[in-house]
Amino acid sequence: MQTTEQHHFLSAKPTRLGMAFWGRWFERDVRRMFGVVRIAGDQVLDPWRDGGRITEPVILCCTHSSWWDAPVTIALSIRHFGFDGRGMMEYRQLDRYRFFRSIGMFSVVREQPRSALQSLAYAAKELAGTSRVLWMFPQGRLIPQHVRPIIAEPGIALLVKKLGSVRIACLGLHYDMTVAERPSVWTRIDRVESISWTGQAEEIQNNVSCRLTALADRLADDVATGNVDDYTDVFRARPTLIERYDAMVARTQQKHRRR
């Protein structure tokens, strides 16, 4: 006789202490791993920053190509934006690392449709009539960052259906190891767009898929050309030994040129 593994739903239980402690923790991890995390386009989310007074939520759909996506977006959410944020996390991981509930994570079992629908219903309830931000990875799984096109799964459309209408912004993440001793993270946000349920799930999926693909392409071009004009450095690591040496040599050469 076969049995189906049952899971209990784990809701988010954010606390000020949890947000403060784990926000700093993940920022520290990101600073240790990456030379710099830079962002462009984040001004479109100003109304939601630091407990914005608006009563409209926003879903922030992100590309998903690295294990580091979660630490980076958590650090951005808590330490850079100050969002009242929520996010989905696989049940097994959240059950094991329950402290994630204190920063707004709730559980989902993607392989079980009933559980996934329960998680989406909970997300809609948490968002409705608030200024909260829901972080989503619509691809549903890790896909290498060079793969095109980026395909969003049906979950984003089902969430829009439950909400009726919601604002959606898209965020792309790109990891580069080309020109510096430590890798860098490039992030870009497009626009905040109001999306309403029209009965066409594919239309919403295609909208998000096209936006994420365009962001990934734009980021790849910016990295390839070294175009940092639109970007702001959010997190920067302490200089490495090589970087300090290079800076010392540059200062010495500058002094010699002045003489």
Protein backbone atom coordinates (compact mmCIF):
# COMPACT_ATOMS: atom_id res chain seq x y z
CA MET A 1 0.00 0.00 0.00
CA GLN A 2 1.45 3.33 -1.06
CA THR A 3 1.29 6.40 1.16
CA THR A 4 1.67 10.04 0.24
CA GLU A 5 4.06 12.08 2.33
CA GLN A 6 2.15 14.80 4.11
CA HIS A 7 3.55 18.21 4.98
CA HIS A 8 2.31 20.81 7.43
CA PHE A 9 2.23 24.36 6.15
CA LEU A 10 4.70 26.73 7.82
CA SER A 11 3.59 30.36 7.90
CA ALA A 12 5.83 33.41 8.06
CA LYS A 13 6.43 34.86 11.51
CA PRO A 14 8.59 37.94 10.96
CA THR A 15 10.03 39.69 14.01
CA ARG A 16 12.08 42.85 14.41
CA LEU A 17 14.84 40.90 16.13
CA GLY A 18 14.89 38.28 13.38
CA MET A 19 14.99 40.89 10.64
CA ALA A 20 17.77 42.84 12.34
CA PHE A 21 19.93 39.84 13.20
CA TRP A 22 19.57 37.81 10.00
CA GLY A 23 19.67 40.88 7.80
CA ARG A 24 23.11 41.71 9.13
CA TRP A 25 24.14 38.05 8.98
CA PHE A 26 23.31 37.67 5.28
CA GLU A 27 24.82 41.04 4.42
CA ARG A 28 28.05 39.90 6.09
CA ASP A 29 28.01 36.65 4.09
CA VAL A 30 27.43 38.56 0.84
CA ARG A 31 30.26 41.00 1.61
CA ARG A 32 32.62 38.11 2.33
CA MET A 33 31.80 36.30 -0.89
CA PHE A 34 31.53 39.15 -3.41
CA GLY A 35 33.71 42.11 -4.15
CA VAL A 36 30.69 44.28 -4.93
CA VAL A 37 26.94 44.05 -5.32
CA ARG A 38 25.59 46.78 -7.56
CA ILE A 39 22.06 47.67 -8.55
CA ALA A 40 20.30 49.76 -11.21
CA GLY A 41 16.67 50.84 -11.47
CA ASP A 42 15.89 50.44 -7.78
CA GLN A 43 14.33 53.91 -7.57
CA VAL A 44 11.11 52.42 -8.99
CA LEU A 45 10.62 50.68 -5.62
CA ASP A 46 11.01 53.82 -3.50
CA PRO A 47 7.29 53.83 -2.47
CA TRP A 48 7.79 50.44 -0.79
CA ARG A 49 11.07 51.23 0.96
CA ASP A 50 11.38 51.47 4.75
CA GLY A 51 7.72 50.70 5.48
CA GLY A 52 6.21 52.83 2.72
CA ARG A 53 2.80 54.32 3.50
CA ILE A 54 1.05 53.02 0.38
CA THR A 55 -1.43 50.14 0.70
CA GLU A 56 -0.58 48.36 -2.52
CA PRO A 57 1.69 45.31 -2.51
CA VAL A 58 4.24 44.47 -5.17
CA ILE A 59 5.54 41.12 -6.38
CA LEU A 60 9.23 41.19 -7.20
CA CYS A 61 9.95 38.45 -9.75
CA CYS A 62 13.62 37.46 -9.94
CA THR A 63 15.82 35.42 -12.22
CA HIS A 64 17.15 32.28 -10.54
CA SER A 65 20.58 31.00 -11.57
CA SER A 66 22.55 30.59 -8.34
CA TRP A 67 22.34 29.32 -4.77
CA TRP A 68 23.45 32.85 -3.84
CA ASP A 69 20.20 34.36 -5.15
CA ALA A 70 18.55 33.85 -1.75
CA PRO A 71 21.29 35.43 0.44
CA VAL A 72 21.69 38.34 -2.01
CA THR A 73 17.96 39.10 -2.22
CA ILE A 74 17.53 38.74 1.56
CA ALA A 75 20.36 41.22 2.14
CA LEU A 76 18.88 43.59 -0.43
CA SER A 77 15.37 43.27 0.99
CA ILE A 78 16.26 43.88 4.63
CA ARG A 79 19.44 45.95 4.57
CA HIS A 80 19.11 48.01 1.38
CA PHE A 81 15.37 48.47 0.91
CA GLY A 82 13.95 47.90 4.40
CA PHE A 83 11.01 45.99 2.94
CA ASP A 84 8.23 44.31 4.86
CA GLY A 85 9.03 41.26 2.75
CA ARG A 86 7.71 37.76 2.28
CA GLY A 87 9.12 34.82 0.34
CA MET A 88 8.42 31.17 -0.45
CA MET A 89 10.83 28.45 0.68
CA GLU A 90 10.74 24.71 0.11
CA TYR A 91 9.06 23.00 3.07
CA ARG A 92 11.96 20.66 3.85
CA GLN A 93 14.45 23.53 3.99
CA LEU A 94 12.18 25.80 6.03
CA ASP A 95 11.35 22.98 8.43
CA ARG A 96 15.07 22.43 8.97
CA TYR A 97 16.04 26.10 9.17
CA ARG A 98 13.02 27.58 10.91
CA PHE A 99 14.75 30.87 11.66
CA PHE A 100 13.88 31.87 8.08
CA ARG A 101 10.28 32.29 9.27
CA SER A 102 11.45 35.24 11.37
CA ILE A 103 12.41 37.12 8.19
CA GLY A 104 9.14 36.45 6.37
CA MET A 105 9.58 33.04 4.72
CA PHE A 106 6.68 30.60 4.40
CA SER A 107 6.62 27.06 3.06
CA VAL A 108 5.71 25.55 -0.30
CA VAL A 109 5.87 22.02 -1.70
CA ARG A 110 6.01 22.53 -5.45
CA GLU A 111 5.56 18.83 -6.21
CA GLN A 112 2.17 18.76 -4.47
CA PRO A 113 -0.43 20.92 -6.29
CA ARG A 114 -2.66 21.19 -3.22
CA SER A 115 0.24 22.43 -1.08
CA ALA A 116 1.34 24.87 -3.79
CA LEU A 117 -2.18 26.30 -4.03
CA GLN A 118 -2.30 26.65 -0.24
CA SER A 119 0.96 28.60 -0.32
CA LEU A 120 -0.35 30.87 -3.08
CA ALA A 121 -3.56 31.49 -1.16
CA TYR A 122 -1.53 32.37 1.91
CA ALA A 123 0.67 34.72 -0.15
CA ALA A 124 -2.40 36.49 -1.52
CA LYS A 125 -3.81 36.91 1.98
CA GLU A 126 -0.51 38.29 3.27
CA LEU A 127 -0.28 40.79 0.40
CA ALA A 128 -3.84 42.09 0.05
CA GLY A 129 -4.27 45.66 1.30
CA THR A 130 -0.65 46.04 2.42
CA SER A 131 2.60 47.63 1.23
CA ARG A 132 4.41 44.30 1.48
CA VAL A 133 6.81 42.92 -1.10
CA LEU A 134 6.71 39.28 -2.13
CA TRP A 135 9.98 37.94 -3.55
CA MET A 136 9.38 35.21 -6.15
CA PHE A 137 11.56 33.10 -8.41
CA PRO A 138 8.99 32.31 -11.13
CA GLN A 139 11.30 29.84 -12.91
CA GLY A 140 10.75 27.51 -9.97
CA ARG A 141 14.23 26.01 -10.12
CA LEU A 142 17.84 26.95 -10.74
CA ILE A 143 18.61 27.60 -14.43
CA PRO A 144 22.13 28.62 -15.59
CA GLN A 145 22.26 32.36 -16.27
CA HIS A 146 23.18 31.98 -19.94
CA VAL A 147 20.01 30.00 -20.80
CA ARG A 148 17.41 31.82 -22.91
CA PRO A 149 14.54 32.37 -22.94
CA ILE A 150 13.65 32.54 -19.26
CA ILE A 151 10.35 30.75 -18.68
CA ALA A 152 8.03 31.61 -15.79
CA GLU A 153 5.95 28.78 -14.35
CA PRO A 154 2.15 29.08 -13.84
CA GLY A 155 2.44 30.05 -10.16
CA ILE A 156 2.77 33.77 -10.88
CA ALA A 157 -0.43 33.75 -12.96
CA LEU A 158 -2.34 31.83 -10.28
CA LEU A 159 -1.25 34.38 -7.68
CA VAL A 160 -2.47 37.26 -9.85
CA LYS A 161 -5.77 35.40 -10.24
CA LYS A 162 -6.17 35.15 -6.46
CA LEU A 163 -5.38 38.84 -5.99
CA GLY A 164 -7.39 40.09 -8.96
CA SER A 165 -4.74 42.66 -9.72
CA VAL A 166 -1.29 43.44 -8.35
CA ARG A 167 1.81 45.38 -9.21
CA ILE A 168 4.76 43.40 -10.51
CA ALA A 169 8.39 44.41 -10.92
CA CYS A 170 11.16 42.18 -12.25
CA LEU A 171 14.71 41.90 -10.98
CA GLY A 172 17.62 40.30 -12.79
CA LEU A 173 20.76 38.95 -11.12
CA HIS A 174 24.04 38.32 -12.94
CA TYR A 175 27.23 36.88 -11.42
CA ASP A 176 30.55 37.88 -12.96
CA MET A 177 34.04 36.51 -12.31
CA THR A 178 35.84 38.17 -15.20
CA VAL A 179 37.87 41.20 -14.17
CA ALA A 180 38.31 41.11 -10.39
CA GLU A 181 39.76 38.82 -7.76
CA ARG A 182 36.34 38.34 -6.19
CA PRO A 183 33.13 37.77 -8.18
CA SER A 184 30.62 40.59 -8.46
CA VAL A 185 26.83 40.68 -8.52
CA TRP A 186 25.00 42.90 -10.99
CA THR A 187 21.30 43.49 -10.37
CA ARG A 188 18.78 45.49 -12.35
CA ILE A 189 15.09 46.23 -11.80
CA ASP A 190 12.79 47.15 -14.65
CA ARG A 191 9.47 48.90 -14.03
CA VAL A 192 6.53 48.46 -11.67
CA GLU A 193 3.60 47.36 -13.81
CA SER A 194 -0.01 46.87 -12.73
CA ILE A 195 -1.20 43.42 -13.83
CA SER A 196 -4.86 42.37 -13.70
CA TRP A 197 -6.39 38.93 -14.07
CA THR A 198 -8.05 38.65 -17.49
CA GLY A 199 -8.62 34.91 -17.54
CA GLN A 200 -5.50 34.32 -19.62
CA ALA A 201 -2.80 32.72 -17.48
CA GLU A 202 -0.40 32.39 -20.42
CA GLU A 203 -0.57 36.13 -21.02
CA ILE A 204 0.74 36.82 -17.51
CA GLN A 205 3.38 34.09 -17.73
CA ASN A 206 4.59 35.45 -21.08
CA ASN A 207 4.72 38.99 -19.70
CA VAL A 208 6.96 37.97 -16.80
CA SER A 209 9.03 35.60 -18.97
CA CYS A 210 9.75 38.32 -21.55
CA ARG A 211 10.62 40.89 -18.90
CA LEU A 212 13.03 38.53 -17.10
CA THR A 213 14.65 37.54 -20.39
CA ALA A 214 15.11 41.19 -21.38
CA LEU A 215 16.65 41.96 -17.99
CA ALA A 216 19.05 39.01 -18.25
CA ASP A 217 20.14 40.18 -21.71
CA ARG A 218 20.59 43.78 -20.54
CA LEU A 219 22.69 42.65 -17.57
CA ALA A 220 24.85 40.41 -19.76
CA ASP A 221 25.49 43.36 -22.11
CA ASP A 222 26.33 45.72 -19.23
CA VAL A 223 28.78 43.21 -17.75
CA ALA A 224 30.39 42.51 -21.13
CA THR A 225 30.92 46.22 -21.84
CA GLY A 226 31.71 47.25 -18.26
CA ASN A 227 28.84 49.74 -18.33
CA VAL A 228 28.33 50.85 -14.71
CA ASP A 229 26.77 54.24 -15.50
CA ASP A 230 23.30 53.39 -14.13
CA TYR A 231 24.50 51.34 -11.17
CA THR A 232 25.02 52.07 -7.50
CA ASP A 233 27.28 49.97 -5.30
CA VAL A 234 25.09 48.58 -2.51
CA PHE A 235 27.49 46.22 -0.74
CA ARG A 236 31.25 46.26 -1.13
CA ALA A 237 33.78 43.94 0.49
CA ARG A 238 36.92 45.07 2.25
CA PRO A 239 39.81 45.36 -0.20
CA THR A 240 41.87 42.22 -0.68
CA LEU A 241 45.64 42.18 -0.40
CA ILE A 242 46.02 42.47 -4.18
CA GLU A 243 43.55 45.37 -4.31
CA ARG A 244 45.37 47.20 -1.51
CA TYR A 245 48.69 46.65 -3.28
CA ASP A 246 47.29 47.95 -6.59
CA ALA A 247 45.92 51.02 -4.80
CA MET A 248 49.30 51.68 -3.17
CA VAL A 249 51.09 51.42 -6.53
CA ALA A 250 48.56 53.77 -8.12
CA ARG A 251 49.06 56.37 -5.36
CA THR A 252 52.85 56.11 -5.71
CA GLN A 253 52.68 56.59 -9.48
CA GLN A 254 50.37 59.57 -9.05
CA LYS A 255 52.84 61.22 -6.67
CA HIS A 256 55.68 60.72 -9.14
CA ARG A 257 53.65 62.32 -11.94
CA ARG A 258 53.01 65.39 -9.81
CA ARG A 259 56.74 65.96 -9.23
